Amino acid sequence: MDDCNRREVFVGSRRVGAVVGKVFRKQIKFSKHALRTPPALALSNSSLAQAERLGATSIEITDTENGIAYRADIVHFRRFAFDLQRGGFEPQKALVLDRWSVTGGNPPGNHRMRIDVGERVPMKRTVHEAEPIQLSLV
């Protein structure tokens, strides 16, 4: 990497990655940081905005456990990502694994995380009663 063209990205006082050239690069441990349901990778809204201010036009997230690199243009990421708020974390946007370009390493289960049979993934969901929908034919 060209260190004179490297600009660090922080969330608070914690370094989360760097913009190198026009690429926002970040390293993660997939087993610890990837979402399970749906299988996705997330970025904090603040780190993504900071990377864009530093000139990034694409994202590369490398899994340090198996060498897989997940890549997406920021325009693609913003278009298809969904908002996410996990307890204890800042607001994030997440992109499902099938929407990343994947290279290197050995992707788990065709880009999907494996969940052992019988394993329960705790999820907090708010259930709202649906309003009746009326359809009218014109």
C-alpha atoms as a PDB file:
ATOM      1  CA  MET A   1       0.000   0.000   0.000  1.00  0.00           C
ATOM      2  CA  ASP A   2       1.096   3.508  -0.764  1.00  0.00           C
ATOM      3  CA  ASP A   3       1.292   5.095   2.706  1.00  0.00           C
ATOM      4  CA  CYS A   4       1.387   8.678   1.399  1.00  0.00           C
ATOM      5  CA  ASN A   5      -2.006   8.064  -0.257  1.00  0.00           C
ATOM      6  CA  ARG A   6      -3.504   6.375   2.842  1.00  0.00           C
ATOM      7  CA  ARG A   7      -6.057   8.248   4.952  1.00  0.00           C
ATOM      8  CA  GLU A   8      -7.289   6.625   8.165  1.00  0.00           C
ATOM      9  CA  VAL A   9     -11.014   6.259   8.940  1.00  0.00           C
ATOM     10  CA  PHE A  10     -12.181   6.419  12.566  1.00  0.00           C
ATOM     11  CA  VAL A  11     -15.393   5.808  14.463  1.00  0.00           C
ATOM     12  CA  GLY A  12     -14.906   7.843  17.612  1.00  0.00           C
ATOM     13  CA  SER A  13     -11.307   7.197  18.606  1.00  0.00           C
ATOM     14  CA  ARG A  14     -11.211   3.686  17.076  1.00  0.00           C
ATOM     15  CA  ARG A  15      -9.515   3.154  13.696  1.00  0.00           C
ATOM     16  CA  VAL A  16     -11.843   1.061  11.506  1.00  0.00           C
ATOM     17  CA  GLY A  17     -10.081   1.202   8.157  1.00  0.00           C
ATOM     18  CA  ALA A  18      -8.380   3.448   5.651  1.00  0.00           C
ATOM     19  CA  VAL A  19      -8.978   5.016   2.277  1.00  0.00           C
ATOM     20  CA  VAL A  20      -6.189   3.998  -0.075  1.00  0.00           C
ATOM     21  CA  GLY A  21      -6.501   5.671  -3.447  1.00  0.00           C
ATOM     22  CA  LYS A  22     -10.256   5.558  -4.025  1.00  0.00           C
ATOM     23  CA  VAL A  23     -10.885   2.360  -2.018  1.00  0.00           C
ATOM     24  CA  PHE A  24     -12.183   2.245   1.568  1.00  0.00           C
ATOM     25  CA  ARG A  25     -10.354  -0.784   2.974  1.00  0.00           C
ATOM     26  CA  LYS A  26     -11.365  -2.535   6.150  1.00  0.00           C
ATOM     27  CA  GLN A  27     -10.369  -5.829   7.778  1.00  0.00           C
ATOM     28  CA  ILE A  28     -12.744  -7.983   9.822  1.00  0.00           C
ATOM     29  CA  LYS A  29     -13.063 -11.428  11.375  1.00  0.00           C
ATOM     30  CA  PHE A  30     -16.011 -12.797   9.415  1.00  0.00           C
ATOM     31  CA  SER A  31     -17.115 -15.197  12.168  1.00  0.00           C
ATOM     32  CA  LYS A  32     -17.340 -12.303  14.615  1.00  0.00           C
ATOM     33  CA  HIS A  33     -18.466  -9.344  12.491  1.00  0.00           C
ATOM     34  CA  ALA A  34     -20.733 -10.677   9.713  1.00  0.00           C
ATOM     35  CA  LEU A  35     -24.489 -10.644  10.174  1.00  0.00           C
ATOM     36  CA  ARG A  36     -26.107 -14.058  10.273  1.00  0.00           C
ATOM     37  CA  THR A  37     -29.690 -13.214   9.352  1.00  0.00           C
ATOM     38  CA  PRO A  38     -29.634 -12.128   6.647  1.00  0.00           C
ATOM     39  CA  PRO A  39     -26.006 -12.971   5.827  1.00  0.00           C
ATOM     40  CA  ALA A  40     -24.508  -9.516   5.277  1.00  0.00           C
ATOM     41  CA  LEU A  41     -21.596  -7.177   5.972  1.00  0.00           C
ATOM     42  CA  ALA A  42     -22.208  -3.815   7.616  1.00  0.00           C
ATOM     43  CA  LEU A  43     -20.461  -0.454   7.832  1.00  0.00           C
ATOM     44  CA  SER A  44     -21.241   2.319  10.254  1.00  0.00           C
ATOM     45  CA  ASN A  45     -22.927   5.298   8.623  1.00  0.00           C
ATOM     46  CA  SER A  46     -20.221   7.579  10.012  1.00  0.00           C
ATOM     47  CA  SER A  47     -17.300   5.506   8.648  1.00  0.00           C
ATOM     48  CA  LEU A  48     -18.933   5.301   5.218  1.00  0.00           C
ATOM     49  CA  ALA A  49     -19.556   9.063   5.130  1.00  0.00           C
ATOM     50  CA  GLN A  50     -15.997   9.752   6.288  1.00  0.00           C
ATOM     51  CA  ALA A  51     -14.559   7.416   3.624  1.00  0.00           C
ATOM     52  CA  GLU A  52     -16.583   9.226   0.956  1.00  0.00           C
ATOM     53  CA  ARG A  53     -15.308  12.619   2.192  1.00  0.00           C
ATOM     54  CA  LEU A  54     -11.778  11.221   1.865  1.00  0.00           C
ATOM     55  CA  GLY A  55     -12.437  10.334  -1.793  1.00  0.00           C
ATOM     56  CA  ALA A  56     -13.461   6.665  -1.634  1.00  0.00           C
ATOM     57  CA  THR A  57     -15.657   5.407  -4.461  1.00  0.00           C
ATOM     58  CA  SER A  58     -15.514   1.714  -3.550  1.00  0.00           C
ATOM     59  CA  ILE A  59     -15.336  -0.561  -0.502  1.00  0.00           C
ATOM     60  CA  GLU A  60     -13.124  -3.592   0.124  1.00  0.00           C
ATOM     61  CA  ILE A  61     -13.660  -5.649   3.272  1.00  0.00           C
ATOM     62  CA  THR A  62     -11.106  -8.412   3.829  1.00  0.00           C
ATOM     63  CA  ASP A  63     -11.810 -11.366   6.085  1.00  0.00           C
ATOM     64  CA  THR A  64      -8.605 -11.972   8.049  1.00  0.00           C
ATOM     65  CA  GLU A  65      -9.694 -15.532   8.909  1.00  0.00           C
ATOM     66  CA  ASN A  66      -9.674 -16.885   5.364  1.00  0.00           C
ATOM     67  CA  GLY A  67      -8.429 -14.141   3.020  1.00  0.00           C
ATOM     68  CA  ILE A  68     -11.710 -13.465   1.222  1.00  0.00           C
ATOM     69  CA  ALA A  69     -12.102  -9.919  -0.095  1.00  0.00           C
ATOM     70  CA  TYR A  70     -15.629  -8.509  -0.453  1.00  0.00           C
ATOM     71  CA  ARG A  71     -15.858  -5.557  -2.849  1.00  0.00           C
ATOM     72  CA  ALA A  72     -18.594  -3.132  -3.875  1.00  0.00           C
ATOM     73  CA  ASP A  73     -18.833   0.338  -5.371  1.00  0.00           C
ATOM     74  CA  ILE A  74     -20.201   2.825  -2.846  1.00  0.00           C
ATOM     75  CA  VAL A  75     -23.036   3.736  -5.238  1.00  0.00           C
ATOM     76  CA  HIS A  76     -24.005   0.017  -5.396  1.00  0.00           C
ATOM     77  CA  PHE A  77     -23.638  -0.323  -1.613  1.00  0.00           C
ATOM     78  CA  ARG A  78     -25.877   2.682  -0.907  1.00  0.00           C
ATOM     79  CA  ARG A  79     -28.473   1.552  -3.447  1.00  0.00           C
ATOM     80  CA  PHE A  80     -28.920  -1.979  -2.082  1.00  0.00           C
ATOM     81  CA  ALA A  81     -27.907  -1.682   1.606  1.00  0.00           C
ATOM     82  CA  PHE A  82     -30.468  -1.687   4.387  1.00  0.00           C
ATOM     83  CA  ASP A  83     -30.421   0.325   7.609  1.00  0.00           C
ATOM     84  CA  LEU A  84     -29.354  -1.531  10.728  1.00  0.00           C
ATOM     85  CA  GLN A  85     -29.264  -0.660  14.420  1.00  0.00           C
ATOM     86  CA  ARG A  86     -27.666  -3.312  16.626  1.00  0.00           C
ATOM     87  CA  GLY A  87     -27.498  -2.820  20.366  1.00  0.00           C
ATOM     88  CA  GLY A  88     -24.259  -1.173  21.444  1.00  0.00           C
ATOM     89  CA  PHE A  89     -23.270  -0.117  17.917  1.00  0.00           C
ATOM     90  CA  GLU A  90     -23.674   3.115  15.995  1.00  0.00           C
ATOM     91  CA  PRO A  91     -26.242   3.197  13.133  1.00  0.00           C
ATOM     92  CA  GLN A  92     -25.094   1.080  10.205  1.00  0.00           C
ATOM     93  CA  LYS A  93     -25.916   0.068   6.660  1.00  0.00           C
ATOM     94  CA  ALA A  94     -25.583  -3.590   5.663  1.00  0.00           C
ATOM     95  CA  LEU A  95     -25.320  -5.266   2.264  1.00  0.00           C
ATOM     96  CA  VAL A  96     -26.270  -8.936   1.862  1.00  0.00           C
ATOM     97  CA  LEU A  97     -23.377 -11.176   0.851  1.00  0.00           C
ATOM     98  CA  ASP A  98     -24.871 -12.040  -2.544  1.00  0.00           C
ATOM     99  CA  ARG A  99     -24.493  -8.381  -3.583  1.00  0.00           C
ATOM    100  CA  TRP A 100     -20.712  -8.239  -2.928  1.00  0.00           C
ATOM    101  CA  SER A 101     -18.084  -9.166  -5.476  1.00  0.00           C
ATOM    102  CA  VAL A 102     -16.032 -11.890  -3.773  1.00  0.00           C
ATOM    103  CA  THR A 103     -12.424 -12.891  -4.484  1.00  0.00           C
ATOM    104  CA  GLY A 104      -9.724 -14.975  -2.824  1.00  0.00           C
ATOM    105  CA  GLY A 105      -9.897 -17.465   0.015  1.00  0.00           C
ATOM    106  CA  ASN A 106     -12.661 -20.015   0.428  1.00  0.00           C
ATOM    107  CA  PRO A 107     -16.133 -18.448   0.840  1.00  0.00           C
ATOM    108  CA  PRO A 108     -18.204 -20.234   3.477  1.00  0.00           C
ATOM    109  CA  GLY A 109     -21.225 -22.070   2.056  1.00  0.00           C
ATOM    110  CA  ASN A 110     -21.397 -20.273  -1.289  1.00  0.00           C
ATOM    111  CA  HIS A 111     -21.073 -16.845   0.386  1.00  0.00           C
ATOM    112  CA  ARG A 112     -23.503 -17.778   3.163  1.00  0.00           C
ATOM    113  CA  MET A 113     -22.706 -18.366   6.788  1.00  0.00           C
ATOM    114  CA  ARG A 114     -23.337 -21.873   8.015  1.00  0.00           C
ATOM    115  CA  ILE A 115     -25.557 -22.215  11.036  1.00  0.00           C
ATOM    116  CA  ASP A 116     -25.534 -25.564  12.777  1.00  0.00           C
ATOM    117  CA  VAL A 117     -28.831 -27.420  12.839  1.00  0.00           C
ATOM    118  CA  GLY A 118     -30.578 -26.640  16.091  1.00  0.00           C
ATOM    119  CA  GLU A 119     -28.638 -23.416  16.690  1.00  0.00           C
ATOM    120  CA  ARG A 120     -30.914 -20.556  17.575  1.00  0.00           C
ATOM    121  CA  VAL A 121     -30.028 -17.070  16.478  1.00  0.00           C
ATOM    122  CA  PRO A 122     -31.569 -14.586  18.929  1.00  0.00           C
ATOM    123  CA  MET A 123     -33.364 -11.760  17.189  1.00  0.00           C
ATOM    124  CA  LYS A 124     -35.413  -8.941  18.617  1.00  0.00           C
ATOM    125  CA  ARG A 125     -38.316  -8.071  16.395  1.00  0.00           C
ATOM    126  CA  THR A 126     -41.053  -5.586  16.837  1.00  0.00           C
ATOM    127  CA  VAL A 127     -44.333  -6.903  15.532  1.00  0.00           C
ATOM    128  CA  HIS A 128     -46.897  -4.393  14.337  1.00  0.00           C
ATOM    129  CA  GLU A 129     -50.453  -5.258  13.432  1.00  0.00           C
ATOM    130  CA  ALA A 130     -50.994  -4.808   9.742  1.00  0.00           C
ATOM    131  CA  GLU A 131     -53.559  -2.286   8.619  1.00  0.00           C
ATOM    132  CA  PRO A 132     -56.182  -3.721   6.280  1.00  0.00           C
ATOM    133  CA  ILE A 133     -55.475  -2.826   2.666  1.00  0.00           C
ATOM    134  CA  GLN A 134     -58.306  -1.888   0.374  1.00  0.00           C
ATOM    135  CA  LEU A 135     -57.922  -2.363  -3.340  1.00  0.00           C
ATOM    136  CA  SER A 136     -60.144  -0.617  -5.780  1.00  0.00           C
ATOM    137  CA  LEU A 137     -60.543  -1.477  -9.407  1.00  0.00           C
ATOM    138  CA  VAL A 138     -60.714   1.469 -11.734  1.00  0.00           C
END
